[in-house]
All heavy atoms as atom14 arrays in JSON, in Angstrom:
{
  "sequence": "FEVESHGDEPLVVETIPGWAHDITNIGDDELVVMLW",
  "atom14_mask": [
    [1, 1, 1, 1, 1, 1, 1, 1, 1, 1, 1, 0, 0, 0],
    [1, 1, 1, 1, 1, 1, 1, 1, 1, 0, 0, 0, 0, 0],
    [1, 1, 1, 1, 1, 1, 1, 0, 0, 0, 0, 0, 0, 0],
    [1, 1, 1, 1, 1, 1, 1, 1, 1, 0, 0, 0, 0, 0],
    [1, 1, 1, 1, 1, 1, 0, 0, 0, 0, 0, 0, 0, 0],
    [1, 1, 1, 1, 1, 1, 1, 1, 1, 1, 0, 0, 0, 0],
    [1, 1, 1, 1, 0, 0, 0, 0, 0, 0, 0, 0, 0, 0],
    [1, 1, 1, 1, 1, 1, 1, 1, 0, 0, 0, 0, 0, 0],
    [1, 1, 1, 1, 1, 1, 1, 1, 1, 0, 0, 0, 0, 0],
    [1, 1, 1, 1, 1, 1, 1, 0, 0, 0, 0, 0, 0, 0],
    [1, 1, 1, 1, 1, 1, 1, 1, 0, 0, 0, 0, 0, 0],
    [1, 1, 1, 1, 1, 1, 1, 0, 0, 0, 0, 0, 0, 0],
    [1, 1, 1, 1, 1, 1, 1, 0, 0, 0, 0, 0, 0, 0],
    [1, 1, 1, 1, 1, 1, 1, 1, 1, 0, 0, 0, 0, 0],
    [1, 1, 1, 1, 1, 1, 1, 0, 0, 0, 0, 0, 0, 0],
    [1, 1, 1, 1, 1, 1, 1, 1, 0, 0, 0, 0, 0, 0],
    [1, 1, 1, 1, 1, 1, 1, 0, 0, 0, 0, 0, 0, 0],
    [1, 1, 1, 1, 0, 0, 0, 0, 0, 0, 0, 0, 0, 0],
    [1, 1, 1, 1, 1, 1, 1, 1, 1, 1, 1, 1, 1, 1],
    [1, 1, 1, 1, 1, 0, 0, 0, 0, 0, 0, 0, 0, 0],
    [1, 1, 1, 1, 1, 1, 1, 1, 1, 1, 0, 0, 0, 0],
    [1, 1, 1, 1, 1, 1, 1, 1, 0, 0, 0, 0, 0, 0],
    [1, 1, 1, 1, 1, 1, 1, 1, 0, 0, 0, 0, 0, 0],
    [1, 1, 1, 1, 1, 1, 1, 0, 0, 0, 0, 0, 0, 0],
    [1, 1, 1, 1, 1, 1, 1, 1, 0, 0, 0, 0, 0, 0],
    [1, 1, 1, 1, 1, 1, 1, 1, 0, 0, 0, 0, 0, 0],
    [1, 1, 1, 1, 0, 0, 0, 0, 0, 0, 0, 0, 0, 0],
    [1, 1, 1, 1, 1, 1, 1, 1, 0, 0, 0, 0, 0, 0],
    [1, 1, 1, 1, 1, 1, 1, 1, 0, 0, 0, 0, 0, 0],
    [1, 1, 1, 1, 1, 1, 1, 1, 1, 0, 0, 0, 0, 0],
    [1, 1, 1, 1, 1, 1, 1, 1, 0, 0, 0, 0, 0, 0],
    [1, 1, 1, 1, 1, 1, 1, 0, 0, 0, 0, 0, 0, 0],
    [1, 1, 1, 1, 1, 1, 1, 0, 0, 0, 0, 0, 0, 0],
    [1, 1, 1, 1, 1, 1, 1, 1, 0, 0, 0, 0, 0, 0],
    [1, 1, 1, 1, 1, 1, 1, 1, 0, 0, 0, 0, 0, 0],
    [1, 1, 1, 1, 1, 1, 1, 1, 1, 1, 1, 1, 1, 1]
  ],
  "atom14_positions": [
    [[-14.75, 10.41, -8.83], [-13.42, 10.19, -8.29], [-13.41, 9.22, -7.18], [-14.4, 9.17, -6.4], [-12.82, 11.51, -7.87], [-11.41, 11.41, -7.26], [-10.33, 11.18, -8.11], [-11.18, 11.58, -5.92], [-9.05, 11.08, -7.59], [-9.9, 11.46, -5.39], [-8.87, 11.23, -6.21], [0.0, 0.0, 0.0], [0.0, 0.0, 0.0], [0.0, 0.0, 0.0]],
    [[-12.4, 8.37, -7.05], [-12.26, 7.46, -5.96], [-10.86, 7.57, -5.35], [-9.91, 7.82, -6.02], [-12.53, 6.01, -6.39], [-13.92, 5.7, -6.85], [-14.12, 4.27, -7.21], [-13.14, 3.47, -7.02], [-15.18, 3.86, -7.66], [0.0, 0.0, 0.0], [0.0, 0.0, 0.0], [0.0, 0.0, 0.0], [0.0, 0.0, 0.0], [0.0, 0.0, 0.0]],
    [[-10.8, 7.28, -4.08], [-9.45, 7.16, -3.42], [-9.57, 6.14, -2.29], [-10.65, 5.99, -1.67], [-9.0, 8.54, -2.84], [-9.99, 9.02, -1.79], [-7.61, 8.46, -2.3], [0.0, 0.0, 0.0], [0.0, 0.0, 0.0], [0.0, 0.0, 0.0], [0.0, 0.0, 0.0], [0.0, 0.0, 0.0], [0.0, 0.0, 0.0], [0.0, 0.0, 0.0]],
    [[-8.5, 5.38, -2.08], [-8.53, 4.37, -1.05], [-7.49, 4.71, 0.02], [-6.5, 5.4, -0.26], [-8.2, 2.98, -1.59], [-9.3, 2.46, -2.52], [-9.01, 1.03, -3.01], [-7.99, 0.42, -2.52], [-9.75, 0.54, -3.84], [0.0, 0.0, 0.0], [0.0, 0.0, 0.0], [0.0, 0.0, 0.0], [0.0, 0.0, 0.0], [0.0, 0.0, 0.0]],
    [[-7.73, 4.33, 1.26], [-6.79, 4.52, 2.35], [-6.88, 3.42, 3.35], [-7.92, 2.71, 3.36], [-7.0, 5.87, 3.0], [-8.18, 5.9, 3.78], [0.0, 0.0, 0.0], [0.0, 0.0, 0.0], [0.0, 0.0, 0.0], [0.0, 0.0, 0.0], [0.0, 0.0, 0.0], [0.0, 0.0, 0.0], [0.0, 0.0, 0.0], [0.0, 0.0, 0.0]],
    [[-5.88, 3.26, 4.16], [-5.92, 2.23, 5.21], [-5.17, 2.75, 6.46], [-4.37, 3.71, 6.33], [-5.36, 0.9, 4.73], [-3.95, 0.97, 4.14], [-2.81, 0.96, 4.91], [-3.57, 1.1, 2.87], [-1.76, 1.04, 4.13], [-2.16, 1.15, 2.85], [0.0, 0.0, 0.0], [0.0, 0.0, 0.0], [0.0, 0.0, 0.0], [0.0, 0.0, 0.0]],
    [[-5.39, 2.05, 7.55], [-4.85, 2.57, 8.82], [-3.34, 2.53, 8.95], [-2.82, 3.22, 9.81], [0.0, 0.0, 0.0], [0.0, 0.0, 0.0], [0.0, 0.0, 0.0], [0.0, 0.0, 0.0], [0.0, 0.0, 0.0], [0.0, 0.0, 0.0], [0.0, 0.0, 0.0], [0.0, 0.0, 0.0], [0.0, 0.0, 0.0], [0.0, 0.0, 0.0]],
    [[-2.66, 1.75, 8.11], [-1.2, 1.68, 8.22], [-0.52, 2.87, 7.67], [0.67, 3.12, 8.0], [-0.7, 0.42, 7.48], [-1.15, -0.89, 8.15], [-1.48, -0.82, 9.37], [-1.25, -1.87, 7.49], [0.0, 0.0, 0.0], [0.0, 0.0, 0.0], [0.0, 0.0, 0.0], [0.0, 0.0, 0.0], [0.0, 0.0, 0.0], [0.0, 0.0, 0.0]],
    [[-1.13, 3.65, 6.8], [-0.54, 4.84, 6.24], [-1.48, 5.99, 6.4], [-2.44, 6.09, 5.67], [-0.21, 4.62, 4.72], [0.89, 3.56, 4.5], [1.25, 3.47, 3.05], [0.82, 4.33, 2.26], [1.98, 2.54, 2.7], [0.0, 0.0, 0.0], [0.0, 0.0, 0.0], [0.0, 0.0, 0.0], [0.0, 0.0, 0.0], [0.0, 0.0, 0.0]],
    [[-1.23, 6.9, 7.34], [-2.14, 8.02, 7.63], [-2.4, 8.87, 6.31], [-1.48, 9.37, 5.71], [-1.45, 8.84, 8.68], [-0.51, 7.87, 9.35], [-0.1, 6.89, 8.23], [0.0, 0.0, 0.0], [0.0, 0.0, 0.0], [0.0, 0.0, 0.0], [0.0, 0.0, 0.0], [0.0, 0.0, 0.0], [0.0, 0.0, 0.0], [0.0, 0.0, 0.0]],
    [[-3.65, 8.98, 6.02], [-4.02, 9.77, 4.82], [-5.3, 10.49, 5.13], [-6.33, 9.91, 5.44], [-4.24, 8.88, 3.61], [-4.68, 9.59, 2.29], [-3.49, 10.35, 1.71], [-5.18, 8.59, 1.3], [0.0, 0.0, 0.0], [0.0, 0.0, 0.0], [0.0, 0.0, 0.0], [0.0, 0.0, 0.0], [0.0, 0.0, 0.0], [0.0, 0.0, 0.0]],
    [[-5.27, 11.82, 5.06], [-6.46, 12.64, 5.3], [-7.23, 12.84, 4.01], [-6.61, 13.23, 2.97], [-6.13, 14.0, 5.91], [-7.35, 14.95, 6.0], [-5.5, 13.85, 7.31], [0.0, 0.0, 0.0], [0.0, 0.0, 0.0], [0.0, 0.0, 0.0], [0.0, 0.0, 0.0], [0.0, 0.0, 0.0], [0.0, 0.0, 0.0], [0.0, 0.0, 0.0]],
    [[-8.51, 12.55, 4.0], [-9.33, 12.72, 2.83], [-10.35, 13.8, 3.12], [-11.08, 13.73, 4.13], [-10.03, 11.39, 2.44], [-10.95, 11.65, 1.24], [-9.02, 10.38, 2.1], [0.0, 0.0, 0.0], [0.0, 0.0, 0.0], [0.0, 0.0, 0.0], [0.0, 0.0, 0.0], [0.0, 0.0, 0.0], [0.0, 0.0, 0.0], [0.0, 0.0, 0.0]],
    [[-10.37, 14.84, 2.33], [-11.31, 15.97, 2.52], [-12.66, 15.73, 1.78], [-12.63, 15.09, 0.68], [-10.71, 17.26, 1.94], [-9.32, 17.59, 2.46], [-9.42, 18.73, 3.5], [-10.51, 19.02, 4.01], [-8.35, 19.31, 3.78], [0.0, 0.0, 0.0], [0.0, 0.0, 0.0], [0.0, 0.0, 0.0], [0.0, 0.0, 0.0], [0.0, 0.0, 0.0]],
    [[-13.73, 16.12, 2.36], [-14.98, 16.22, 1.62], [-15.13, 17.63, 1.11], [-14.84, 18.63, 1.83], [-16.2, 15.8, 2.49], [-16.34, 16.73, 3.53], [-16.04, 14.39, 3.01], [0.0, 0.0, 0.0], [0.0, 0.0, 0.0], [0.0, 0.0, 0.0], [0.0, 0.0, 0.0], [0.0, 0.0, 0.0], [0.0, 0.0, 0.0], [0.0, 0.0, 0.0]],
    [[-15.6, 17.75, -0.18], [-15.62, 19.05, -0.85], [-17.03, 19.51, -1.06], [-17.88, 18.74, -1.51], [-14.87, 18.93, -2.2], [-13.55, 18.17, -2.07], [-14.69, 20.32, -2.82], [-12.55, 18.83, -1.11], [0.0, 0.0, 0.0], [0.0, 0.0, 0.0], [0.0, 0.0, 0.0], [0.0, 0.0, 0.0], [0.0, 0.0, 0.0], [0.0, 0.0, 0.0]],
    [[-17.37, 20.73, -0.7], [-18.73, 21.22, -0.98], [-19.05, 21.08, -2.43], [-18.28, 21.31, -3.35], [-18.59, 22.71, -0.61], [-17.53, 22.78, 0.43], [-16.55, 21.81, 0.0], [0.0, 0.0, 0.0], [0.0, 0.0, 0.0], [0.0, 0.0, 0.0], [0.0, 0.0, 0.0], [0.0, 0.0, 0.0], [0.0, 0.0, 0.0], [0.0, 0.0, 0.0]],
    [[-20.33, 20.63, -2.68], [-20.78, 20.46, -4.03], [-20.43, 19.08, -4.64], [-20.77, 18.79, -5.79], [0.0, 0.0, 0.0], [0.0, 0.0, 0.0], [0.0, 0.0, 0.0], [0.0, 0.0, 0.0], [0.0, 0.0, 0.0], [0.0, 0.0, 0.0], [0.0, 0.0, 0.0], [0.0, 0.0, 0.0], [0.0, 0.0, 0.0], [0.0, 0.0, 0.0]],
    [[-19.82, 18.22, -3.85], [-19.49, 16.87, -4.3], [-20.19, 15.87, -3.38], [-20.01, 15.86, -2.18], [-17.98, 16.61, -4.21], [-17.16, 17.26, -5.27], [-16.84, 18.55, -5.33], [-16.51, 16.65, -6.35], [-16.02, 18.84, -6.37], [-15.78, 17.66, -7.03], [-16.44, 15.31, -6.83], [-15.05, 17.44, -8.22], [-15.68, 15.1, -7.97], [-15.0, 16.1, -8.64]],
    [[-21.01, 14.99, -3.94], [-21.6, 13.91, -3.16], [-20.49, 12.94, -2.83], [-19.53, 12.69, -3.61], [-22.71, 13.19, -3.95], [0.0, 0.0, 0.0], [0.0, 0.0, 0.0], [0.0, 0.0, 0.0], [0.0, 0.0, 0.0], [0.0, 0.0, 0.0], [0.0, 0.0, 0.0], [0.0, 0.0, 0.0], [0.0, 0.0, 0.0], [0.0, 0.0, 0.0]],
    [[-20.55, 12.32, -1.65], [-19.47, 11.43, -1.26], [-20.02, 10.33, -0.36], [-21.03, 10.44, 0.31], [-18.37, 12.23, -0.5], [-18.92, 13.08, 0.61], [-19.33, 14.36, 0.43], [-19.1, 12.8, 1.93], [-19.74, 14.88, 1.57], [-19.61, 13.92, 2.51], [0.0, 0.0, 0.0], [0.0, 0.0, 0.0], [0.0, 0.0, 0.0], [0.0, 0.0, 0.0]],
    [[-19.3, 9.21, -0.34], [-19.54, 8.13, 0.61], [-18.24, 7.46, 0.9], [-17.17, 7.72, 0.29], [-20.64, 7.17, 0.14], [-20.24, 6.41, -1.08], [-19.0, 6.28, -1.38], [-21.15, 5.86, -1.79], [0.0, 0.0, 0.0], [0.0, 0.0, 0.0], [0.0, 0.0, 0.0], [0.0, 0.0, 0.0], [0.0, 0.0, 0.0], [0.0, 0.0, 0.0]],
    [[-18.25, 6.6, 1.91], [-17.07, 5.81, 2.32], [-17.5, 4.37, 2.56], [-18.57, 4.15, 3.24], [-16.41, 6.45, 3.59], [-15.24, 5.56, 4.05], [-17.4, 6.65, 4.71], [-14.43, 6.23, 5.17], [0.0, 0.0, 0.0], [0.0, 0.0, 0.0], [0.0, 0.0, 0.0], [0.0, 0.0, 0.0], [0.0, 0.0, 0.0], [0.0, 0.0, 0.0]],
    [[-16.75, 3.4, 2.03], [-17.12, 2.05, 2.19], [-15.99, 1.25, 2.83], [-14.77, 1.47, 2.53], [-17.41, 1.41, 0.79], [-18.46, 2.1, 0.18], [-17.73, -0.11, 0.86], [0.0, 0.0, 0.0], [0.0, 0.0, 0.0], [0.0, 0.0, 0.0], [0.0, 0.0, 0.0], [0.0, 0.0, 0.0], [0.0, 0.0, 0.0], [0.0, 0.0, 0.0]],
    [[-16.31, 0.37, 3.69], [-15.32, -0.59, 4.33], [-15.03, -1.66, 3.3], [-15.9, -2.5, 3.08], [-15.89, -1.11, 5.63], [-14.88, -2.06, 6.31], [-13.82, -2.38, 5.78], [-15.21, -2.47, 7.54], [0.0, 0.0, 0.0], [0.0, 0.0, 0.0], [0.0, 0.0, 0.0], [0.0, 0.0, 0.0], [0.0, 0.0, 0.0], [0.0, 0.0, 0.0]],
    [[-13.86, -1.65, 2.73], [-13.5, -2.63, 1.73], [-12.57, -3.68, 2.29], [-11.99, -4.49, 1.56], [-12.89, -1.96, 0.49], [-11.64, -1.18, 0.85], [-13.89, -1.09, -0.21], [-10.9, -0.61, -0.35], [0.0, 0.0, 0.0], [0.0, 0.0, 0.0], [0.0, 0.0, 0.0], [0.0, 0.0, 0.0], [0.0, 0.0, 0.0], [0.0, 0.0, 0.0]],
    [[-12.37, -3.67, 3.62], [-11.54, -4.61, 4.3], [-12.32, -5.79, 4.9], [-13.55, -5.85, 4.78], [0.0, 0.0, 0.0], [0.0, 0.0, 0.0], [0.0, 0.0, 0.0], [0.0, 0.0, 0.0], [0.0, 0.0, 0.0], [0.0, 0.0, 0.0], [0.0, 0.0, 0.0], [0.0, 0.0, 0.0], [0.0, 0.0, 0.0], [0.0, 0.0, 0.0]],
    [[-11.61, -6.65, 5.59], [-12.22, -7.8, 6.19], [-12.55, -7.54, 7.69], [-13.23, -8.37, 8.34], [-11.32, -9.0, 6.1], [-11.15, -9.41, 4.64], [-12.07, -9.28, 3.88], [-9.97, -9.88, 4.34], [0.0, 0.0, 0.0], [0.0, 0.0, 0.0], [0.0, 0.0, 0.0], [0.0, 0.0, 0.0], [0.0, 0.0, 0.0], [0.0, 0.0, 0.0]],
    [[-12.01, -6.47, 8.23], [-12.21, -6.15, 9.65], [-12.99, -4.83, 9.82], [-13.31, -4.14, 8.84], [-10.82, -6.04, 10.35], [-9.95, -7.19, 10.25], [-10.54, -8.29, 10.42], [-8.79, -7.06, 9.9], [0.0, 0.0, 0.0], [0.0, 0.0, 0.0], [0.0, 0.0, 0.0], [0.0, 0.0, 0.0], [0.0, 0.0, 0.0], [0.0, 0.0, 0.0]],
    [[-13.34, -4.53, 11.03], [-14.05, -3.31, 11.28], [-13.23, -2.1, 10.85], [-12.02, -2.03, 11.06], [-14.32, -3.22, 12.81], [-15.11, -1.99, 13.22], [-15.35, -1.9, 14.68], [-14.37, -1.96, 15.48], [-16.54, -1.78, 15.11], [0.0, 0.0, 0.0], [0.0, 0.0, 0.0], [0.0, 0.0, 0.0], [0.0, 0.0, 0.0], [0.0, 0.0, 0.0]],
    [[-13.89, -1.1, 10.32], [-13.3, 0.14, 9.9], [-13.51, 1.18, 11.01], [-14.63, 1.35, 11.45], [-13.95, 0.66, 8.6], [-13.44, 2.0, 8.02], [-11.98, 1.87, 7.59], [-14.36, 2.43, 6.87], [0.0, 0.0, 0.0], [0.0, 0.0, 0.0], [0.0, 0.0, 0.0], [0.0, 0.0, 0.0], [0.0, 0.0, 0.0], [0.0, 0.0, 0.0]],
    [[-12.43, 1.85, 11.41], [-12.49, 2.91, 12.4], [-11.97, 4.19, 11.79], [-10.82, 4.19, 11.35], [-11.74, 2.51, 13.71], [-11.86, 3.66, 14.74], [-12.2, 1.24, 14.28], [0.0, 0.0, 0.0], [0.0, 0.0, 0.0], [0.0, 0.0, 0.0], [0.0, 0.0, 0.0], [0.0, 0.0, 0.0], [0.0, 0.0, 0.0], [0.0, 0.0, 0.0]],
    [[-12.77, 5.21, 11.78], [-12.41, 6.48, 11.1], [-12.57, 7.64, 12.03], [-13.66, 7.82, 12.7], [-13.27, 6.68, 9.79], [-12.87, 7.99, 9.16], [-13.14, 5.53, 8.9], [0.0, 0.0, 0.0], [0.0, 0.0, 0.0], [0.0, 0.0, 0.0], [0.0, 0.0, 0.0], [0.0, 0.0, 0.0], [0.0, 0.0, 0.0], [0.0, 0.0, 0.0]],
    [[-11.54, 8.49, 12.13], [-11.63, 9.72, 12.86], [-12.18, 10.81, 11.91], [-11.8, 10.85, 10.71], [-10.26, 10.15, 13.34], [-10.23, 11.46, 14.08], [-8.53, 11.84, 14.67], [-8.77, 13.46, 15.37], [0.0, 0.0, 0.0], [0.0, 0.0, 0.0], [0.0, 0.0, 0.0], [0.0, 0.0, 0.0], [0.0, 0.0, 0.0], [0.0, 0.0, 0.0]],
    [[-13.01, 11.68, 12.43], [-13.69, 12.67, 11.56], [-13.66, 14.03, 12.23], [-13.97, 14.18, 13.44], [-15.18, 12.2, 11.33], [-16.07, 13.26, 10.73], [-15.66, 13.65, 9.33], [-17.54, 12.72, 10.74], [0.0, 0.0, 0.0], [0.0, 0.0, 0.0], [0.0, 0.0, 0.0], [0.0, 0.0, 0.0], [0.0, 0.0, 0.0], [0.0, 0.0, 0.0]],
    [[-13.22, 15.05, 11.45], [-13.36, 16.41, 11.87], [-14.31, 17.14, 10.9], [-14.16, 16.97, 9.68], [-12.03, 17.12, 11.89], [-12.13, 18.62, 12.09], [-12.27, 19.29, 13.3], [-12.12, 19.67, 11.07], [-12.33, 20.63, 13.11], [-12.27, 20.92, 11.72], [-12.0, 19.63, 9.68], [-12.28, 22.11, 11.1], [-12.05, 20.86, 9.04], [-12.19, 22.04, 9.68]]
  ]
}
């Protein structure tokens, strides 16, 4: 599964136990991500 998000529209993405996951900067600028 894939999902995209950007800073102009707040979107919380959950990581789920039992699912491998990663996050890639697909933009041209630095990516800044808040994490809980």
